[in-house]
Amino acid sequence: MDIVSLGIGLLSGGGGGLLGGKLTGSSMGKGAQMLTGIVGGTGLAAISQYIPGISGLFADPTAGGSLNVSSILGGVVSGGVGGTLLSFILGKVMGK
């Protein structure tokens, strides 16, 4: 993993976490929302390889990234979607 793909994954996961927290009106702080988003984004990218039908959709966090549009977009999508989903779920479970 290179530093660029790591940075993209962390930023998009944190942004997705903030979005998920905002959508649910979560009482978690901004730091907790960002951390949840980072974990969710990385987790989605890691497990998506094993799910038939979406195996190539999200960026693999262990693969060496390159500076082409598809790898950058894959990193943003996997971090953002995964971060939003996990933060949304935790926000609903934890309540307000």
PDB file of N, CA and C in Angstrom:
ATOM      1  N   MET A   1       0.854  -1.172   0.000  1.00  0.00           N
ATOM      2  CA  MET A   1       0.000   0.000   0.000  1.00  0.00           C
ATOM      3  C   MET A   1       0.895   1.228   0.000  1.00  0.00           C
ATOM      4  N   ASP A   2       0.571   2.165  -0.836  1.00  0.00           N
ATOM      5  CA  ASP A   2       1.348   3.389  -0.860  1.00  0.00           C
ATOM      6  C   ASP A   2       0.652   4.487  -0.064  1.00  0.00           C
ATOM      7  N   ILE A   3       1.355   5.546   0.160  1.00  0.00           N
ATOM      8  CA  ILE A   3       0.872   6.629   1.027  1.00  0.00           C
ATOM      9  C   ILE A   3      -0.313   7.374   0.402  1.00  0.00           C
ATOM     10  N   VAL A   4      -0.357   7.446  -0.913  1.00  0.00           N
ATOM     11  CA  VAL A   4      -1.459   8.155  -1.581  1.00  0.00           C
ATOM     12  C   VAL A   4      -2.773   7.406  -1.408  1.00  0.00           C
ATOM     13  N   SER A   5      -2.765   6.093  -1.653  1.00  0.00           N
ATOM     14  CA  SER A   5      -4.013   5.329  -1.506  1.00  0.00           C
ATOM     15  C   SER A   5      -4.436   5.269  -0.046  1.00  0.00           C
ATOM     16  N   LEU A   6      -3.474   5.216   0.872  1.00  0.00           N
ATOM     17  CA  LEU A   6      -3.803   5.243   2.296  1.00  0.00           C
ATOM     18  C   LEU A   6      -4.464   6.567   2.671  1.00  0.00           C
ATOM     19  N   GLY A   7      -3.901   7.665   2.210  1.00  0.00           N
ATOM     20  CA  GLY A   7      -4.482   8.976   2.502  1.00  0.00           C
ATOM     21  C   GLY A   7      -5.877   9.147   1.928  1.00  0.00           C
ATOM     22  N   ILE A   8      -6.066   8.683   0.704  1.00  0.00           N
ATOM     23  CA  ILE A   8      -7.392   8.772   0.075  1.00  0.00           C
ATOM     24  C   ILE A   8      -8.400   7.945   0.850  1.00  0.00           C
ATOM     25  N   GLY A   9      -8.003   6.737   1.241  1.00  0.00           N
ATOM     26  CA  GLY A   9      -8.901   5.878   2.009  1.00  0.00           C
ATOM     27  C   GLY A   9      -9.271   6.475   3.358  1.00  0.00           C
ATOM     28  N   LEU A  10      -8.299   7.049   4.045  1.00  0.00           N
ATOM     29  CA  LEU A  10      -8.566   7.646   5.356  1.00  0.00           C
ATOM     30  C   LEU A  10      -9.457   8.878   5.242  1.00  0.00           C
ATOM     31  N   LEU A  11      -9.164   9.735   4.287  1.00  0.00           N
ATOM     32  CA  LEU A  11      -9.977  10.949   4.121  1.00  0.00           C
ATOM     33  C   LEU A  11     -11.402  10.635   3.701  1.00  0.00           C
ATOM     34  N   SER A  12     -11.557   9.727   2.749  1.00  0.00           N
ATOM     35  CA  SER A  12     -12.914   9.416   2.289  1.00  0.00           C
ATOM     36  C   SER A  12     -13.688   8.643   3.349  1.00  0.00           C
ATOM     37  N   GLY A  13     -13.020   7.781   4.113  1.00  0.00           N
ATOM     38  CA  GLY A  13     -13.687   7.078   5.204  1.00  0.00           C
ATOM     39  C   GLY A  13     -14.132   8.043   6.299  1.00  0.00           C
ATOM     40  N   GLY A  14     -13.253   8.976   6.650  1.00  0.00           N
ATOM     41  CA  GLY A  14     -13.618   9.978   7.653  1.00  0.00           C
ATOM     42  C   GLY A  14     -14.770  10.857   7.186  1.00  0.00           C
ATOM     43  N   GLY A  15     -14.738  11.254   5.929  1.00  0.00           N
ATOM     44  CA  GLY A  15     -15.839  12.049   5.383  1.00  0.00           C
ATOM     45  C   GLY A  15     -17.142  11.276   5.348  1.00  0.00           C
ATOM     46  N   GLY A  16     -17.058  10.009   4.986  1.00  0.00           N
ATOM     47  CA  GLY A  16     -18.255   9.158   4.990  1.00  0.00           C
ATOM     48  C   GLY A  16     -18.809   8.977   6.387  1.00  0.00           C
ATOM     49  N   GLY A  17     -17.914   8.861   7.370  1.00  0.00           N
ATOM     50  CA  GLY A  17     -18.355   8.751   8.761  1.00  0.00           C
ATOM     51  C   GLY A  17     -19.083   9.991   9.234  1.00  0.00           C
ATOM     52  N   LEU A  18     -18.570  11.144   8.863  1.00  0.00           N
ATOM     53  CA  LEU A  18     -19.249  12.392   9.227  1.00  0.00           C
ATOM     54  C   LEU A  18     -20.617  12.492   8.560  1.00  0.00           C
ATOM     55  N   LEU A  19     -20.688  12.067   7.300  1.00  0.00           N
ATOM     56  CA  LEU A  19     -21.966  12.086   6.590  1.00  0.00           C
ATOM     57  C   LEU A  19     -22.977  11.144   7.235  1.00  0.00           C
ATOM     58  N   GLY A  20     -22.534   9.925   7.563  1.00  0.00           N
ATOM     59  CA  GLY A  20     -23.431   8.967   8.218  1.00  0.00           C
ATOM     60  C   GLY A  20     -23.909   9.464   9.566  1.00  0.00           C
ATOM     61  N   GLY A  21     -23.022  10.087  10.334  1.00  0.00           N
ATOM     62  CA  GLY A  21     -23.415  10.650  11.619  1.00  0.00           C
ATOM     63  C   GLY A  21     -24.403  11.788  11.471  1.00  0.00           C
ATOM     64  N   LYS A  22     -24.211  12.599  10.436  1.00  0.00           N
ATOM     65  CA  LYS A  22     -25.126  13.718  10.186  1.00  0.00           C
ATOM     66  C   LYS A  22     -26.504  13.212   9.767  1.00  0.00           C
ATOM     67  N   LEU A  23     -26.544  12.172   8.946  1.00  0.00           N
ATOM     68  CA  LEU A  23     -27.823  11.631   8.480  1.00  0.00           C
ATOM     69  C   LEU A  23     -28.655  11.047   9.614  1.00  0.00           C
ATOM     70  N   THR A  24     -27.993  10.466  10.606  1.00  0.00           N
ATOM     71  CA  THR A  24     -28.727   9.851  11.708  1.00  0.00           C
ATOM     72  C   THR A  24     -28.929  10.787  12.881  1.00  0.00           C
ATOM     73  N   GLY A  25     -28.285  11.923  12.872  1.00  0.00           N
ATOM     74  CA  GLY A  25     -28.364  12.818  14.023  1.00  0.00           C
ATOM     75  C   GLY A  25     -27.691  12.197  15.237  1.00  0.00           C
ATOM     76  N   SER A  26     -26.609  11.480  14.994  1.00  0.00           N
ATOM     77  CA  SER A  26     -25.920  10.720  16.034  1.00  0.00           C
ATOM     78  C   SER A  26     -25.344  11.633  17.106  1.00  0.00           C
ATOM     79  N   SER A  27     -25.333  11.117  18.341  1.00  0.00           N
ATOM     80  CA  SER A  27     -24.756  11.880  19.442  1.00  0.00           C
ATOM     81  C   SER A  27     -23.263  11.612  19.595  1.00  0.00           C
ATOM     82  N   MET A  28     -22.710  10.756  18.739  1.00  0.00           N
ATOM     83  CA  MET A  28     -21.265  10.530  18.770  1.00  0.00           C
ATOM     84  C   MET A  28     -20.566  11.825  18.364  1.00  0.00           C
ATOM     85  N   GLY A  29     -19.412  12.052  18.913  1.00  0.00           N
ATOM     86  CA  GLY A  29     -18.640  13.232  18.542  1.00  0.00           C
ATOM     87  C   GLY A  29     -18.068  13.106  17.144  1.00  0.00           C
ATOM     88  N   LYS A  30     -17.539  14.193  16.635  1.00  0.00           N
ATOM     89  CA  LYS A  30     -16.979  14.201  15.277  1.00  0.00           C
ATOM     90  C   LYS A  30     -15.808  13.228  15.149  1.00  0.00           C
ATOM     91  N   GLY A  31     -14.964  13.159  16.174  1.00  0.00           N
ATOM     92  CA  GLY A  31     -13.837  12.233  16.136  1.00  0.00           C
ATOM     93  C   GLY A  31     -14.290  10.789  16.075  1.00  0.00           C
ATOM     94  N   ALA A  32     -15.301  10.450  16.852  1.00  0.00           N
ATOM     95  CA  ALA A  32     -15.822   9.083  16.845  1.00  0.00           C
ATOM     96  C   ALA A  32     -16.490   8.765  15.512  1.00  0.00           C
ATOM     97  N   GLN A  33     -17.179   9.727  14.933  1.00  0.00           N
ATOM     98  CA  GLN A  33     -17.795   9.511  13.627  1.00  0.00           C
ATOM     99  C   GLN A  33     -16.728   9.283  12.562  1.00  0.00           C
ATOM    100  N   MET A  34     -15.654  10.065  12.615  1.00  0.00           N
ATOM    101  CA  MET A  34     -14.582   9.897  11.637  1.00  0.00           C
ATOM    102  C   MET A  34     -13.870   8.556  11.811  1.00  0.00           C
ATOM    103  N   LEU A  35     -13.610   8.165  13.049  1.00  0.00           N
ATOM    104  CA  LEU A  35     -12.960   6.884  13.309  1.00  0.00           C
ATOM    105  C   LEU A  35     -13.841   5.718  12.855  1.00  0.00           C
ATOM    106  N   THR A  36     -15.120   5.813  13.124  1.00  0.00           N
ATOM    107  CA  THR A  36     -16.060   4.790  12.668  1.00  0.00           C
ATOM    108  C   THR A  36     -16.079   4.730  11.146  1.00  0.00           C
ATOM    109  N   GLY A  37     -16.044   5.871  10.508  1.00  0.00           N
ATOM    110  CA  GLY A  37     -16.017   5.922   9.047  1.00  0.00           C
ATOM    111  C   GLY A  37     -14.768   5.305   8.462  1.00  0.00           C
ATOM    112  N   ILE A  38     -13.629   5.568   9.094  1.00  0.00           N
ATOM    113  CA  ILE A  38     -12.371   4.994   8.612  1.00  0.00           C
ATOM    114  C   ILE A  38     -12.404   3.476   8.731  1.00  0.00           C
ATOM    115  N   VAL A  39     -12.879   2.975   9.858  1.00  0.00           N
ATOM    116  CA  VAL A  39     -12.978   1.521  10.055  1.00  0.00           C
ATOM    117  C   VAL A  39     -13.971   0.920   9.059  1.00  0.00           C
ATOM    118  N   GLY A  40     -15.108   1.579   8.866  1.00  0.00           N
ATOM    119  CA  GLY A  40     -16.116   1.075   7.929  1.00  0.00           C
ATOM    120  C   GLY A  40     -15.628   1.072   6.493  1.00  0.00           C
ATOM    121  N   GLY A  41     -14.938   2.127   6.091  1.00  0.00           N
ATOM    122  CA  GLY A  41     -14.428   2.201   4.723  1.00  0.00           C
ATOM    123  C   GLY A  41     -13.374   1.161   4.440  1.00  0.00           C
ATOM    124  N   THR A  42     -12.454   0.966   5.381  1.00  0.00           N
ATOM    125  CA  THR A  42     -11.413  -0.038   5.220  1.00  0.00           C
ATOM    126  C   THR A  42     -12.009  -1.439   5.265  1.00  0.00           C
ATOM    127  N   GLY A  43     -12.967  -1.645   6.161  1.00  0.00           N
ATOM    128  CA  GLY A  43     -13.604  -2.958   6.271  1.00  0.00           C
ATOM    129  C   GLY A  43     -14.376  -3.329   5.035  1.00  0.00           C
ATOM    130  N   LEU A  44     -15.108  -2.389   4.467  1.00  0.00           N
ATOM    131  CA  LEU A  44     -15.870  -2.683   3.250  1.00  0.00           C
ATOM    132  C   LEU A  44     -14.938  -3.030   2.103  1.00  0.00           C
ATOM    133  N   ALA A  45     -13.861  -2.287   1.980  1.00  0.00           N
ATOM    134  CA  ALA A  45     -12.917  -2.566   0.902  1.00  0.00           C
ATOM    135  C   ALA A  45     -12.274  -3.935   1.079  1.00  0.00           C
ATOM    136  N   ALA A  46     -12.019  -4.308   2.320  1.00  0.00           N
ATOM    137  CA  ALA A  46     -11.360  -5.593   2.577  1.00  0.00           C
ATOM    138  C   ALA A  46     -12.294  -6.773   2.345  1.00  0.00           C
ATOM    139  N   ILE A  47     -13.549  -6.672   2.785  1.00  0.00           N
ATOM    140  CA  ILE A  47     -14.447  -7.824   2.644  1.00  0.00           C
ATOM    141  C   ILE A  47     -15.149  -7.888   1.296  1.00  0.00           C
ATOM    142  N   SER A  48     -15.135  -6.796   0.547  1.00  0.00           N
ATOM    143  CA  SER A  48     -15.841  -6.801  -0.739  1.00  0.00           C
ATOM    144  C   SER A  48     -15.196  -7.743  -1.742  1.00  0.00           C
ATOM    145  N   GLN A  49     -13.930  -8.081  -1.534  1.00  0.00           N
ATOM    146  CA  GLN A  49     -13.252  -9.012  -2.447  1.00  0.00           C
ATOM    147  C   GLN A  49     -13.874 -10.399  -2.400  1.00  0.00           C
ATOM    148  N   TYR A  50     -14.500 -10.735  -1.277  1.00  0.00           N
ATOM    149  CA  TYR A  50     -15.027 -12.082  -1.087  1.00  0.00           C
ATOM    150  C   TYR A  50     -16.524 -12.189  -1.353  1.00  0.00           C
ATOM    151  N   ILE A  51     -17.165 -11.100  -1.718  1.00  0.00           N
ATOM    152  CA  ILE A  51     -18.597 -11.108  -1.981  1.00  0.00           C
ATOM    153  C   ILE A  51     -18.815 -11.173  -3.496  1.00  0.00           C
ATOM    154  N   PRO A  52     -19.427 -12.247  -3.989  1.00  0.00           N
ATOM    155  CA  PRO A  52     -19.649 -12.362  -5.433  1.00  0.00           C
ATOM    156  C   PRO A  52     -20.519 -11.224  -5.959  1.00  0.00           C
ATOM    157  N   GLY A  53     -20.153 -10.696  -7.076  1.00  0.00           N
ATOM    158  CA  GLY A  53     -20.924  -9.639  -7.713  1.00  0.00           C
ATOM    159  C   GLY A  53     -20.373  -8.248  -7.458  1.00  0.00           C
ATOM    160  N   ILE A  54     -19.715  -8.036  -6.328  1.00  0.00           N
ATOM    161  CA  ILE A  54     -19.143  -6.710  -6.059  1.00  0.00           C
ATOM    162  C   ILE A  54     -17.635  -6.783  -5.821  1.00  0.00           C
ATOM    163  N   SER A  55     -17.030  -7.904  -6.195  1.00  0.00           N
ATOM    164  CA  SER A  55     -15.613  -8.115  -5.884  1.00  0.00           C
ATOM    165  C   SER A  55     -14.698  -7.071  -6.517  1.00  0.00           C
ATOM    166  N   GLY A  56     -15.008  -6.547  -7.673  1.00  0.00           N
ATOM    167  CA  GLY A  56     -14.143  -5.564  -8.310  1.00  0.00           C
ATOM    168  C   GLY A  56     -14.613  -4.133  -8.152  1.00  0.00           C
ATOM    169  N   LEU A  57     -15.684  -3.927  -7.416  1.00  0.00           N
ATOM    170  CA  LEU A  57     -16.276  -2.600  -7.324  1.00  0.00           C
ATOM    171  C   LEU A  57     -15.512  -1.657  -6.417  1.00  0.00           C
ATOM    172  N   PHE A  58     -15.054  -2.148  -5.280  1.00  0.00           N
ATOM    173  CA  PHE A  58     -14.387  -1.299  -4.306  1.00  0.00           C
ATOM    174  C   PHE A  58     -12.884  -1.535  -4.324  1.00  0.00           C
ATOM    175  N   ALA A  59     -12.135  -0.530  -3.975  1.00  0.00           N
ATOM    176  CA  ALA A  59     -10.674  -0.618  -4.005  1.00  0.00           C
ATOM    177  C   ALA A  59     -10.158  -1.558  -2.935  1.00  0.00           C
ATOM    178  N   ASP A  60      -9.159  -2.328  -3.274  1.00  0.00           N
ATOM    179  CA  ASP A  60      -8.512  -3.231  -2.325  1.00  0.00           C
ATOM    180  C   ASP A  60      -7.491  -2.424  -1.525  1.00  0.00           C
ATOM    181  N   PRO A  61      -7.623  -2.358  -0.204  1.00  0.00           N
ATOM    182  CA  PRO A  61      -6.711  -1.526   0.575  1.00  0.00           C
ATOM    183  C   PRO A  61      -5.294  -2.070   0.643  1.00  0.00           C
ATOM    184  N   THR A  62      -5.085  -3.338   0.306  1.00  0.00           N
ATOM    185  CA  THR A  62      -3.749  -3.918   0.380  1.00  0.00           C
ATOM    186  C   THR A  62      -3.015  -3.861  -0.951  1.00  0.00           C
ATOM    187  N   ALA A  63      -3.728  -3.548  -2.012  1.00  0.00           N
ATOM    188  CA  ALA A  63      -3.083  -3.482  -3.321  1.00  0.00           C
ATOM    189  C   ALA A  63      -2.336  -2.162  -3.459  1.00  0.00           C
ATOM    190  N   GLY A  64      -1.253  -2.214  -4.133  1.00  0.00           N
ATOM    191  CA  GLY A  64      -0.507  -0.975  -4.377  1.00  0.00           C
ATOM    192  C   GLY A  64      -1.283  -0.074  -5.297  1.00  0.00           C
ATOM    193  N   GLY A  65      -1.526   1.124  -4.871  1.00  0.00           N
ATOM    194  CA  GLY A  65      -2.321   2.047  -5.668  1.00  0.00           C
ATOM    195  C   GLY A  65      -1.478   2.762  -6.698  1.00  0.00           C
ATOM    196  N   SER A  66      -2.129   3.337  -7.630  1.00  0.00           N
ATOM    197  CA  SER A  66      -1.439   4.165  -8.610  1.00  0.00           C
ATOM    198  C   SER A  66      -2.258   5.425  -8.789  1.00  0.00           C
ATOM    199  N   LEU A  67      -1.685   6.376  -9.434  1.00  0.00           N
ATOM    200  CA  LEU A  67      -2.374   7.649  -9.590  1.00  0.00           C
ATOM    201  C   LEU A  67      -3.157   7.687 -10.895  1.00  0.00           C
ATOM    202  N   ASN A  68      -4.040   6.732 -11.080  1.00  0.00           N
ATOM    203  CA  ASN A  68      -4.943   6.809 -12.218  1.00  0.00           C
ATOM    204  C   ASN A  68      -6.360   7.041 -11.690  1.00  0.00           C
ATOM    205  N   VAL A  69      -7.222   7.469 -12.557  1.00  0.00           N
ATOM    206  CA  VAL A  69      -8.560   7.878 -12.147  1.00  0.00           C
ATOM    207  C   VAL A  69      -9.342   6.730 -11.525  1.00  0.00           C
ATOM    208  N   SER A  70      -9.240   5.538 -12.081  1.00  0.00           N
ATOM    209  CA  SER A  70     -10.047   4.431 -11.560  1.00  0.00           C
ATOM    210  C   SER A  70      -9.620   4.027 -10.145  1.00  0.00           C
ATOM    211  N   SER A  71      -8.328   4.011  -9.844  1.00  0.00           N
ATOM    212  CA  SER A  71      -7.906   3.636  -8.490  1.00  0.00           C
ATOM    213  C   SER A  71      -8.265   4.717  -7.475  1.00  0.00           C
ATOM    214  N   ILE A  72      -8.145   5.972  -7.858  1.00  0.00           N
ATOM    215  CA  ILE A  72      -8.523   7.060  -6.951  1.00  0.00           C
ATOM    216  C   ILE A  72     -10.023   7.042  -6.703  1.00  0.00           C
ATOM    217  N   LEU A  73     -10.805   6.872  -7.750  1.00  0.00           N
ATOM    218  CA  LEU A  73     -12.256   6.815  -7.607  1.00  0.00           C
ATOM    219  C   LEU A  73     -12.685   5.606  -6.785  1.00  0.00           C
ATOM    220  N   GLY A  74     -12.036   4.463  -6.990  1.00  0.00           N
ATOM    221  CA  GLY A  74     -12.343   3.270  -6.205  1.00  0.00           C
ATOM    222  C   GLY A  74     -12.061   3.481  -4.732  1.00  0.00           C
ATOM    223  N   GLY A  75     -10.961   4.158  -4.416  1.00  0.00           N
ATOM    224  CA  GLY A  75     -10.637   4.449  -3.023  1.00  0.00           C
ATOM    225  C   GLY A  75     -11.629   5.393  -2.383  1.00  0.00           C
ATOM    226  N   VAL A  76     -12.048   6.404  -3.108  1.00  0.00           N
ATOM    227  CA  VAL A  76     -13.027   7.360  -2.582  1.00  0.00           C
ATOM    228  C   VAL A  76     -14.375   6.690  -2.370  1.00  0.00           C
ATOM    229  N   VAL A  77     -14.796   5.880  -3.327  1.00  0.00           N
ATOM    230  CA  VAL A  77     -16.095   5.210  -3.215  1.00  0.00           C
ATOM    231  C   VAL A  77     -16.093   4.207  -2.064  1.00  0.00           C
ATOM    232  N   SER A  78     -15.052   3.391  -1.962  1.00  0.00           N
ATOM    233  CA  SER A  78     -15.029   2.386  -0.898  1.00  0.00           C
ATOM    234  C   SER A  78     -14.961   3.039   0.474  1.00  0.00           C
ATOM    235  N   GLY A  79     -14.144   4.055   0.627  1.00  0.00           N
ATOM    236  CA  GLY A  79     -14.068   4.743   1.913  1.00  0.00           C
ATOM    237  C   GLY A  79     -15.349   5.475   2.251  1.00  0.00           C
ATOM    238  N   GLY A  80     -15.893   6.183   1.284  1.00  0.00           N
ATOM    239  CA  GLY A  80     -17.113   6.955   1.535  1.00  0.00           C
ATOM    240  C   GLY A  80     -18.326   6.091   1.817  1.00  0.00           C
ATOM    241  N   VAL A  81     -18.525   5.068   1.005  1.00  0.00           N
ATOM    242  CA  VAL A  81     -19.694   4.198   1.181  1.00  0.00           C
ATOM    243  C   VAL A  81     -19.583   3.400   2.471  1.00  0.00           C
ATOM    244  N   GLY A  82     -18.426   2.790   2.688  1.00  0.00           N
ATOM    245  CA  GLY A  82     -18.237   1.993   3.897  1.00  0.00           C
ATOM    246  C   GLY A  82     -18.331   2.832   5.159  1.00  0.00           C
ATOM    247  N   GLY A  83     -17.724   4.013   5.121  1.00  0.00           N
ATOM    248  CA  GLY A  83     -17.792   4.898   6.278  1.00  0.00           C
ATOM    249  C   GLY A  83     -19.195   5.386   6.570  1.00  0.00           C
ATOM    250  N   THR A  84     -19.923   5.724   5.528  1.00  0.00           N
ATOM    251  CA  THR A  84     -21.299   6.173   5.713  1.00  0.00           C
ATOM    252  C   THR A  84     -22.167   5.053   6.272  1.00  0.00           C
ATOM    253  N   LEU A  85     -22.024   3.856   5.711  1.00  0.00           N
ATOM    254  CA  LEU A  85     -22.850   2.730   6.163  1.00  0.00           C
ATOM    255  C   LEU A  85     -22.611   2.385   7.629  1.00  0.00           C
ATOM    256  N   LEU A  86     -21.351   2.239   8.021  1.00  0.00           N
ATOM    257  CA  LEU A  86     -21.081   1.854   9.406  1.00  0.00           C
ATOM    258  C   LEU A  86     -21.491   2.954  10.378  1.00  0.00           C
ATOM    259  N   SER A  87     -21.244   4.201  10.044  1.00  0.00           N
ATOM    260  CA  SER A  87     -21.659   5.295  10.931  1.00  0.00           C
ATOM    261  C   SER A  87     -23.173   5.400  11.018  1.00  0.00           C
ATOM    262  N   PHE A  88     -23.858   5.164   9.906  1.00  0.00           N
ATOM    263  CA  PHE A  88     -25.308   5.194   9.889  1.00  0.00           C
ATOM    264  C   PHE A  88     -25.858   4.089  10.786  1.00  0.00           C
ATOM    265  N   ILE A  89     -25.306   2.886  10.658  1.00  0.00           N
ATOM    266  CA  ILE A  89     -25.772   1.756  11.464  1.00  0.00           C
ATOM    267  C   ILE A  89     -25.520   2.017  12.950  1.00  0.00           C
ATOM    268  N   LEU A  90     -24.320   2.446  13.285  1.00  0.00           N
ATOM    269  CA  LEU A  90     -24.009   2.707  14.699  1.00  0.00           C
ATOM    270  C   LEU A  90     -24.834   3.871  15.244  1.00  0.00           C
ATOM    271  N   GLY A  91     -25.093   4.864  14.424  1.00  0.00           N
ATOM    272  CA  GLY A  91     -25.931   5.975  14.871  1.00  0.00           C
ATOM    273  C   GLY A  91     -27.334   5.535  15.191  1.00  0.00           C
ATOM    274  N   LYS A  92     -27.883   4.628  14.374  1.00  0.00           N
ATOM    275  CA  LYS A  92     -29.240   4.106  14.631  1.00  0.00           C
ATOM    276  C   LYS A  92     -29.269   3.203  15.863  1.00  0.00           C
ATOM    277  N   VAL A  93     -28.238   2.387  16.024  1.00  0.00           N
ATOM    278  CA  VAL A  93     -28.181   1.462  17.166  1.00  0.00           C
ATOM    279  C   VAL A  93     -28.015   2.221  18.465  1.00  0.00           C
ATOM    280  N   MET A  94     -27.136   3.205  18.470  1.00  0.00           N
ATOM    281  CA  MET A  94     -26.847   3.955  19.681  1.00  0.00           C
ATOM    282  C   MET A  94     -27.932   4.963  20.034  1.00  0.00           C
ATOM    283  N   GLY A  95     -28.695   5.368  19.049  1.00  0.00           N
ATOM    284  CA  GLY A  95     -29.755   6.338  19.284  1.00  0.00           C
ATOM    285  C   GLY A  95     -29.209   7.740  19.424  1.00  0.00           C
ATOM    286  N   LYS A  96     -30.049   8.632  19.885  1.00  0.00           N
ATOM    287  CA  LYS A  96     -29.647  10.036  20.018  1.00  0.00           C
ATOM    288  C   LYS A  96     -29.211  10.261  21.394  1.00  0.00           C
TER     289      LYS A  96
END
